[in-house]
Amino acid sequence: MYAKQYEITLPADYDMGIIRKRVADNGHVLDDRAGMALKAYLVRERGVDGSPVNQYAPFYLWHDTAAMSHFLVGGGGFQGIVRDFGRPVVRHWAGVATRRGAARTAVPRAASRRLTALPEDADPTGLGLTALVERETDRLHALARRDDVHSAALAVDPHHWQLLRFVLWEREVPAEEEATERYEVLHLSVPGIDGLPDGRHW
């Protein structure tokens, strides 16, 4: 599993209704995309739920890197973003774990992202990172047992050594959730979600 996200930060006075209409008109296009587990069409609005910006920030989980590459550079869909907004930085992470939530059959309305730095490994065996990620995987499992979680994923950026936790919520992101970003979900495409392992990916 591979996680991917790009963030398009828009002017403070931007009409976010334009993004909402874009997703309403076109969000279904990837509902059956081969090689993709899910795409969450995410927005943040300035002044809402603590957001300092207006932002369109789609988040993807992919099964297949060839399908992901086709989307990005093979004319498989990303050209529409480049045409309309310019070419954004695309962040990507290696998948560590996914969990099916108790609210998997619901339509999620919110999402949270938590990005945390992975500290230098002080363990002389070099396995401190492994232990840390295993603890976070256990926490992900506990989180997914909540009755308002649709899905949860954990992934690692081995360039910047950051850990990503992404959660889809049935209604809103709970106040106590340790999120660095909180989003509204406008649409969710889930062509391959049932193929995600329920647990760690190694």
C-alpha atoms as a PDB file:
ATOM      1  CA  MET A   1       0.000   0.000   0.000  1.00  0.00           C
ATOM      2  CA  TYR A   2       1.200   3.486  -0.887  1.00  0.00           C
ATOM      3  CA  ALA A   3      -0.229   6.730   0.442  1.00  0.00           C
ATOM      4  CA  LYS A   4      -0.207   9.918  -1.605  1.00  0.00           C
ATOM      5  CA  GLN A   5      -1.497  13.448  -1.073  1.00  0.00           C
ATOM      6  CA  TYR A   6      -1.160  16.837  -2.684  1.00  0.00           C
ATOM      7  CA  GLU A   7      -2.306  20.112  -1.170  1.00  0.00           C
ATOM      8  CA  ILE A   8      -3.586  23.042  -3.215  1.00  0.00           C
ATOM      9  CA  THR A   9      -3.691  26.089  -0.971  1.00  0.00           C
ATOM     10  CA  LEU A  10      -6.096  28.701  -2.309  1.00  0.00           C
ATOM     11  CA  PRO A  11      -6.517  32.448  -1.666  1.00  0.00           C
ATOM     12  CA  ALA A  12      -8.178  33.502   1.576  1.00  0.00           C
ATOM     13  CA  ASP A  13     -11.193  34.887  -0.344  1.00  0.00           C
ATOM     14  CA  TYR A  14     -11.472  31.921  -2.720  1.00  0.00           C
ATOM     15  CA  ASP A  15     -15.001  30.639  -3.307  1.00  0.00           C
ATOM     16  CA  MET A  16     -14.773  27.067  -2.032  1.00  0.00           C
ATOM     17  CA  GLY A  17     -18.064  26.402  -3.780  1.00  0.00           C
ATOM     18  CA  ILE A  18     -15.954  26.040  -6.934  1.00  0.00           C
ATOM     19  CA  ILE A  19     -14.116  23.075  -5.402  1.00  0.00           C
ATOM     20  CA  ARG A  20     -17.342  21.594  -4.093  1.00  0.00           C
ATOM     21  CA  LYS A  21     -18.881  21.743  -7.573  1.00  0.00           C
ATOM     22  CA  ARG A  22     -15.710  20.287  -9.116  1.00  0.00           C
ATOM     23  CA  VAL A  23     -15.923  17.274  -6.807  1.00  0.00           C
ATOM     24  CA  ALA A  24     -19.696  16.914  -7.206  1.00  0.00           C
ATOM     25  CA  ASP A  25     -19.291  16.885 -11.003  1.00  0.00           C
ATOM     26  CA  ASN A  26     -16.168  14.726 -11.270  1.00  0.00           C
ATOM     27  CA  GLY A  27     -15.614  12.812  -8.024  1.00  0.00           C
ATOM     28  CA  HIS A  28     -17.257   9.671  -9.378  1.00  0.00           C
ATOM     29  CA  VAL A  29     -14.646   9.329 -12.161  1.00  0.00           C
ATOM     30  CA  LEU A  30     -12.288   7.316  -9.925  1.00  0.00           C
ATOM     31  CA  ASP A  31     -14.971   5.215  -8.258  1.00  0.00           C
ATOM     32  CA  ASP A  32     -13.821   2.182 -10.269  1.00  0.00           C
ATOM     33  CA  ARG A  33     -10.110   3.001 -10.783  1.00  0.00           C
ATOM     34  CA  ALA A  34      -8.062  -0.191 -10.923  1.00  0.00           C
ATOM     35  CA  GLY A  35      -5.078  -0.323  -8.579  1.00  0.00           C
ATOM     36  CA  MET A  36      -6.467   2.278  -6.180  1.00  0.00           C
ATOM     37  CA  ALA A  37      -7.817   1.385  -2.744  1.00  0.00           C
ATOM     38  CA  LEU A  38      -9.371   4.772  -2.018  1.00  0.00           C
ATOM     39  CA  LYS A  39      -9.375   8.469  -2.781  1.00  0.00           C
ATOM     40  CA  ALA A  40     -10.750  10.914  -0.230  1.00  0.00           C
ATOM     41  CA  TYR A  41     -11.647  14.297  -1.729  1.00  0.00           C
ATOM     42  CA  LEU A  42     -10.696  16.582   1.150  1.00  0.00           C
ATOM     43  CA  VAL A  43     -11.048  20.286   1.829  1.00  0.00           C
ATOM     44  CA  ARG A  44     -10.158  22.690   4.586  1.00  0.00           C
ATOM     45  CA  GLU A  45     -11.840  26.081   4.834  1.00  0.00           C
ATOM     46  CA  ARG A  46     -10.194  29.080   6.450  1.00  0.00           C
ATOM     47  CA  GLY A  47     -11.629  29.704   9.904  1.00  0.00           C
ATOM     48  CA  VAL A  48     -13.441  26.351  10.057  1.00  0.00           C
ATOM     49  CA  ASP A  49     -12.291  23.739  12.580  1.00  0.00           C
ATOM     50  CA  GLY A  50      -9.084  25.662  13.212  1.00  0.00           C
ATOM     51  CA  SER A  51      -7.896  25.789   9.588  1.00  0.00           C
ATOM     52  CA  PRO A  52      -5.730  28.821   8.724  1.00  0.00           C
ATOM     53  CA  VAL A  53      -6.197  28.256   4.958  1.00  0.00           C
ATOM     54  CA  ASN A  54      -8.568  27.350   2.170  1.00  0.00           C
ATOM     55  CA  GLN A  55      -7.229  24.118   0.741  1.00  0.00           C
ATOM     56  CA  TYR A  56      -8.090  21.254  -1.568  1.00  0.00           C
ATOM     57  CA  ALA A  57      -6.068  18.218  -0.429  1.00  0.00           C
ATOM     58  CA  PRO A  58      -7.037  14.842  -1.959  1.00  0.00           C
ATOM     59  CA  PHE A  59      -5.629  11.787  -0.199  1.00  0.00           C
ATOM     60  CA  TYR A  60      -5.059   8.395  -1.874  1.00  0.00           C
ATOM     61  CA  LEU A  61      -4.199   4.852  -0.906  1.00  0.00           C
ATOM     62  CA  TRP A  62      -2.868   2.778  -3.814  1.00  0.00           C
ATOM     63  CA  HIS A  63      -2.316  -0.954  -4.156  1.00  0.00           C
ATOM     64  CA  ASP A  64      -0.342  -0.673  -7.373  1.00  0.00           C
ATOM     65  CA  THR A  65       2.541   1.725  -8.096  1.00  0.00           C
ATOM     66  CA  ALA A  66       2.026   1.273 -11.849  1.00  0.00           C
ATOM     67  CA  ALA A  67      -1.550   2.525 -11.492  1.00  0.00           C
ATOM     68  CA  MET A  68      -0.327   5.411  -9.323  1.00  0.00           C
ATOM     69  CA  SER A  69       2.318   6.320 -11.920  1.00  0.00           C
ATOM     70  CA  HIS A  70      -0.253   6.196 -14.705  1.00  0.00           C
ATOM     71  CA  PHE A  71      -2.441   8.597 -12.743  1.00  0.00           C
ATOM     72  CA  LEU A  72       0.448  11.008 -12.134  1.00  0.00           C
ATOM     73  CA  VAL A  73       2.385  11.030 -15.397  1.00  0.00           C
ATOM     74  CA  GLY A  74       0.574   8.806 -17.879  1.00  0.00           C
ATOM     75  CA  GLY A  75      -2.460  10.965 -18.560  1.00  0.00           C
ATOM     76  CA  GLY A  76      -4.526   9.041 -16.032  1.00  0.00           C
ATOM     77  CA  GLY A  77      -6.161  12.023 -14.340  1.00  0.00           C
ATOM     78  CA  PHE A  78      -3.587  14.267 -12.664  1.00  0.00           C
ATOM     79  CA  GLN A  79      -3.330  16.410 -15.798  1.00  0.00           C
ATOM     80  CA  GLY A  80      -6.626  18.051 -14.793  1.00  0.00           C
ATOM     81  CA  ILE A  81      -5.077  19.339 -11.569  1.00  0.00           C
ATOM     82  CA  VAL A  82      -1.983  20.582 -13.418  1.00  0.00           C
ATOM     83  CA  ARG A  83      -4.150  22.310 -16.033  1.00  0.00           C
ATOM     84  CA  ASP A  84      -6.348  24.091 -13.507  1.00  0.00           C
ATOM     85  CA  PHE A  85      -4.021  24.777 -10.562  1.00  0.00           C
ATOM     86  CA  GLY A  86      -0.432  24.192 -11.699  1.00  0.00           C
ATOM     87  CA  ARG A  87       1.694  21.248 -10.604  1.00  0.00           C
ATOM     88  CA  PRO A  88       1.660  20.811  -6.811  1.00  0.00           C
ATOM     89  CA  VAL A  89       4.174  18.907  -4.713  1.00  0.00           C
ATOM     90  CA  VAL A  90       2.914  15.350  -4.289  1.00  0.00           C
ATOM     91  CA  ARG A  91       3.806  13.782  -0.959  1.00  0.00           C
ATOM     92  CA  HIS A  92       3.993  10.011  -0.680  1.00  0.00           C
ATOM     93  CA  TRP A  93       4.489   7.451   2.053  1.00  0.00           C
ATOM     94  CA  ALA A  94       5.204   3.734   2.309  1.00  0.00           C
ATOM     95  CA  GLY A  95       2.262   1.911   3.879  1.00  0.00           C
ATOM     96  CA  VAL A  96       2.757   0.377   7.319  1.00  0.00           C
ATOM     97  CA  ALA A  97      -0.747  -0.636   8.421  1.00  0.00           C
ATOM     98  CA  THR A  98      -4.427  -0.193   7.674  1.00  0.00           C
ATOM     99  CA  ARG A  99      -7.433  -0.926   9.821  1.00  0.00           C
ATOM    100  CA  ARG A 100     -11.070  -1.426   8.995  1.00  0.00           C
ATOM    101  CA  GLY A 101     -13.164   0.732  11.296  1.00  0.00           C
ATOM    102  CA  ALA A 102     -16.465  -0.090  12.941  1.00  0.00           C
ATOM    103  CA  ALA A 103     -18.181   2.520  10.713  1.00  0.00           C
ATOM    104  CA  ARG A 104     -16.851   1.106   7.413  1.00  0.00           C
ATOM    105  CA  THR A 105     -20.359   0.875   5.931  1.00  0.00           C
ATOM    106  CA  ALA A 106     -21.101   4.551   6.673  1.00  0.00           C
ATOM    107  CA  VAL A 107     -20.237   7.494   4.397  1.00  0.00           C
ATOM    108  CA  PRO A 108     -17.416   9.391   6.136  1.00  0.00           C
ATOM    109  CA  ARG A 109     -17.835  13.140   6.459  1.00  0.00           C
ATOM    110  CA  ALA A 110     -14.504  14.056   8.063  1.00  0.00           C
ATOM    111  CA  ALA A 111     -10.845  13.059   8.043  1.00  0.00           C
ATOM    112  CA  SER A 112      -7.787  13.737  10.145  1.00  0.00           C
ATOM    113  CA  ARG A 113      -4.094  13.678   9.384  1.00  0.00           C
ATOM    114  CA  ARG A 114      -1.342  13.496  11.976  1.00  0.00           C
ATOM    115  CA  LEU A 115       2.244  13.990  10.856  1.00  0.00           C
ATOM    116  CA  THR A 116       4.949  13.401  13.457  1.00  0.00           C
ATOM    117  CA  ALA A 117       8.728  13.361  13.213  1.00  0.00           C
ATOM    118  CA  LEU A 118      10.410  10.017  13.797  1.00  0.00           C
ATOM    119  CA  PRO A 119      13.278  10.600  16.246  1.00  0.00           C
ATOM    120  CA  GLU A 120      16.805   9.370  15.763  1.00  0.00           C
ATOM    121  CA  ASP A 121      17.137   5.748  16.802  1.00  0.00           C
ATOM    122  CA  ALA A 122      18.965   5.524  20.141  1.00  0.00           C
ATOM    123  CA  ASP A 123      18.630   1.743  20.285  1.00  0.00           C
ATOM    124  CA  PRO A 124      22.094   0.191  19.684  1.00  0.00           C
ATOM    125  CA  THR A 125      20.446  -2.686  17.801  1.00  0.00           C
ATOM    126  CA  GLY A 126      18.966  -0.246  15.266  1.00  0.00           C
ATOM    127  CA  LEU A 127      15.483  -1.593  15.969  1.00  0.00           C
ATOM    128  CA  GLY A 128      14.123   1.384  17.888  1.00  0.00           C
ATOM    129  CA  LEU A 129      12.184   2.541  14.829  1.00  0.00           C
ATOM    130  CA  THR A 130      10.621  -0.906  14.509  1.00  0.00           C
ATOM    131  CA  ALA A 131       9.455  -0.823  18.120  1.00  0.00           C
ATOM    132  CA  LEU A 132       8.032   2.680  17.743  1.00  0.00           C
ATOM    133  CA  VAL A 133       6.093   1.782  14.588  1.00  0.00           C
ATOM    134  CA  GLU A 134       4.765  -1.379  16.216  1.00  0.00           C
ATOM    135  CA  ARG A 135       3.457   0.714  19.129  1.00  0.00           C
ATOM    136  CA  GLU A 136       1.786   3.105  16.690  1.00  0.00           C
ATOM    137  CA  THR A 137       0.284   0.150  14.829  1.00  0.00           C
ATOM    138  CA  ASP A 138      -1.221  -1.092  18.095  1.00  0.00           C
ATOM    139  CA  ARG A 139      -2.640   2.401  18.723  1.00  0.00           C
ATOM    140  CA  LEU A 140      -4.126   2.408  15.237  1.00  0.00           C
ATOM    141  CA  HIS A 141      -5.851  -0.893  15.996  1.00  0.00           C
ATOM    142  CA  ALA A 142      -7.297   0.523  19.224  1.00  0.00           C
ATOM    143  CA  LEU A 143      -8.453   3.681  17.419  1.00  0.00           C
ATOM    144  CA  ALA A 144     -10.227   1.665  14.721  1.00  0.00           C
ATOM    145  CA  ARG A 145     -12.376  -0.023  17.378  1.00  0.00           C
ATOM    146  CA  ARG A 146     -14.205   3.260  17.958  1.00  0.00           C
ATOM    147  CA  ASP A 147     -17.725   3.187  16.573  1.00  0.00           C
ATOM    148  CA  ASP A 148     -17.187   6.391  14.542  1.00  0.00           C
ATOM    149  CA  VAL A 149     -14.071   5.336  12.569  1.00  0.00           C
ATOM    150  CA  HIS A 150     -14.502   4.315   8.938  1.00  0.00           C
ATOM    151  CA  SER A 151     -10.863   3.457   8.128  1.00  0.00           C
ATOM    152  CA  ALA A 152      -7.406   4.225   9.477  1.00  0.00           C
ATOM    153  CA  ALA A 153      -3.949   4.044   7.930  1.00  0.00           C
ATOM    154  CA  LEU A 154      -0.366   4.394   9.070  1.00  0.00           C
ATOM    155  CA  ALA A 155       2.514   5.171   6.691  1.00  0.00           C
ATOM    156  CA  VAL A 156       6.144   6.316   6.746  1.00  0.00           C
ATOM    157  CA  ASP A 157       7.971   8.990   4.750  1.00  0.00           C
ATOM    158  CA  PRO A 158      11.560   7.623   4.688  1.00  0.00           C
ATOM    159  CA  HIS A 159      12.906  10.825   3.102  1.00  0.00           C
ATOM    160  CA  HIS A 160      11.873  13.227   5.857  1.00  0.00           C
ATOM    161  CA  TRP A 161      11.380  10.438   8.444  1.00  0.00           C
ATOM    162  CA  GLN A 162       7.849  11.325   9.355  1.00  0.00           C
ATOM    163  CA  LEU A 163       4.995   9.085  10.420  1.00  0.00           C
ATOM    164  CA  LEU A 164       1.555   9.683   8.938  1.00  0.00           C
ATOM    165  CA  ARG A 165      -1.683   8.642  10.611  1.00  0.00           C
ATOM    166  CA  PHE A 166      -4.767   9.153   8.449  1.00  0.00           C
ATOM    167  CA  VAL A 167      -8.285   8.474   9.713  1.00  0.00           C
ATOM    168  CA  LEU A 168     -11.688   8.708   8.052  1.00  0.00           C
ATOM    169  CA  TRP A 169     -14.495   9.567  10.505  1.00  0.00           C
ATOM    170  CA  GLU A 170     -18.195   8.960  10.120  1.00  0.00           C
ATOM    171  CA  ARG A 171     -19.233  12.430  11.318  1.00  0.00           C
ATOM    172  CA  GLU A 172     -16.584  14.813  12.683  1.00  0.00           C
ATOM    173  CA  VAL A 173     -13.034  14.556  13.957  1.00  0.00           C
ATOM    174  CA  PRO A 174     -13.249  14.248  17.748  1.00  0.00           C
ATOM    175  CA  ALA A 175     -11.831  17.181  19.697  1.00  0.00           C
ATOM    176  CA  GLU A 176      -9.421  14.868  21.524  1.00  0.00           C
ATOM    177  CA  GLU A 177      -7.902  13.447  18.332  1.00  0.00           C
ATOM    178  CA  GLU A 178      -4.241  14.434  17.995  1.00  0.00           C
ATOM    179  CA  ALA A 179      -4.540  15.732  14.440  1.00  0.00           C
ATOM    180  CA  THR A 180      -2.245  18.189  12.734  1.00  0.00           C
ATOM    181  CA  GLU A 181      -4.927  18.730  10.047  1.00  0.00           C
ATOM    182  CA  ARG A 182      -8.699  18.244  10.031  1.00  0.00           C
ATOM    183  CA  TYR A 183     -10.653  17.939   6.803  1.00  0.00           C
ATOM    184  CA  GLU A 184     -14.155  17.726   5.420  1.00  0.00           C
ATOM    185  CA  VAL A 185     -14.689  14.767   3.080  1.00  0.00           C
ATOM    186  CA  LEU A 186     -16.616  15.802  -0.037  1.00  0.00           C
ATOM    187  CA  HIS A 187     -16.565  12.380  -1.719  1.00  0.00           C
ATOM    188  CA  LEU A 188     -14.925   9.005  -1.190  1.00  0.00           C
ATOM    189  CA  SER A 189     -13.969   6.663  -4.024  1.00  0.00           C
ATOM    190  CA  VAL A 190     -13.281   3.139  -2.741  1.00  0.00           C
ATOM    191  CA  PRO A 191     -12.704   0.823  -5.729  1.00  0.00           C
ATOM    192  CA  GLY A 192     -10.189  -1.392  -3.935  1.00  0.00           C
ATOM    193  CA  ILE A 193     -10.762  -0.778  -0.246  1.00  0.00           C
ATOM    194  CA  ASP A 194     -11.704  -4.393   0.428  1.00  0.00           C
ATOM    195  CA  GLY A 195      -8.242  -5.424  -0.746  1.00  0.00           C
ATOM    196  CA  LEU A 196      -6.476  -3.549   2.033  1.00  0.00           C
ATOM    197  CA  PRO A 197      -5.053  -5.912   4.665  1.00  0.00           C
ATOM    198  CA  ASP A 198      -6.600  -5.432   8.089  1.00  0.00           C
ATOM    199  CA  GLY A 199      -3.430  -5.007  10.082  1.00  0.00           C
ATOM    200  CA  ARG A 200       0.232  -4.345   9.476  1.00  0.00           C
ATOM    201  CA  HIS A 201       1.734  -4.598   6.019  1.00  0.00           C
ATOM    202  CA  TRP A 202       4.996  -6.379   6.767  1.00  0.00           C
END
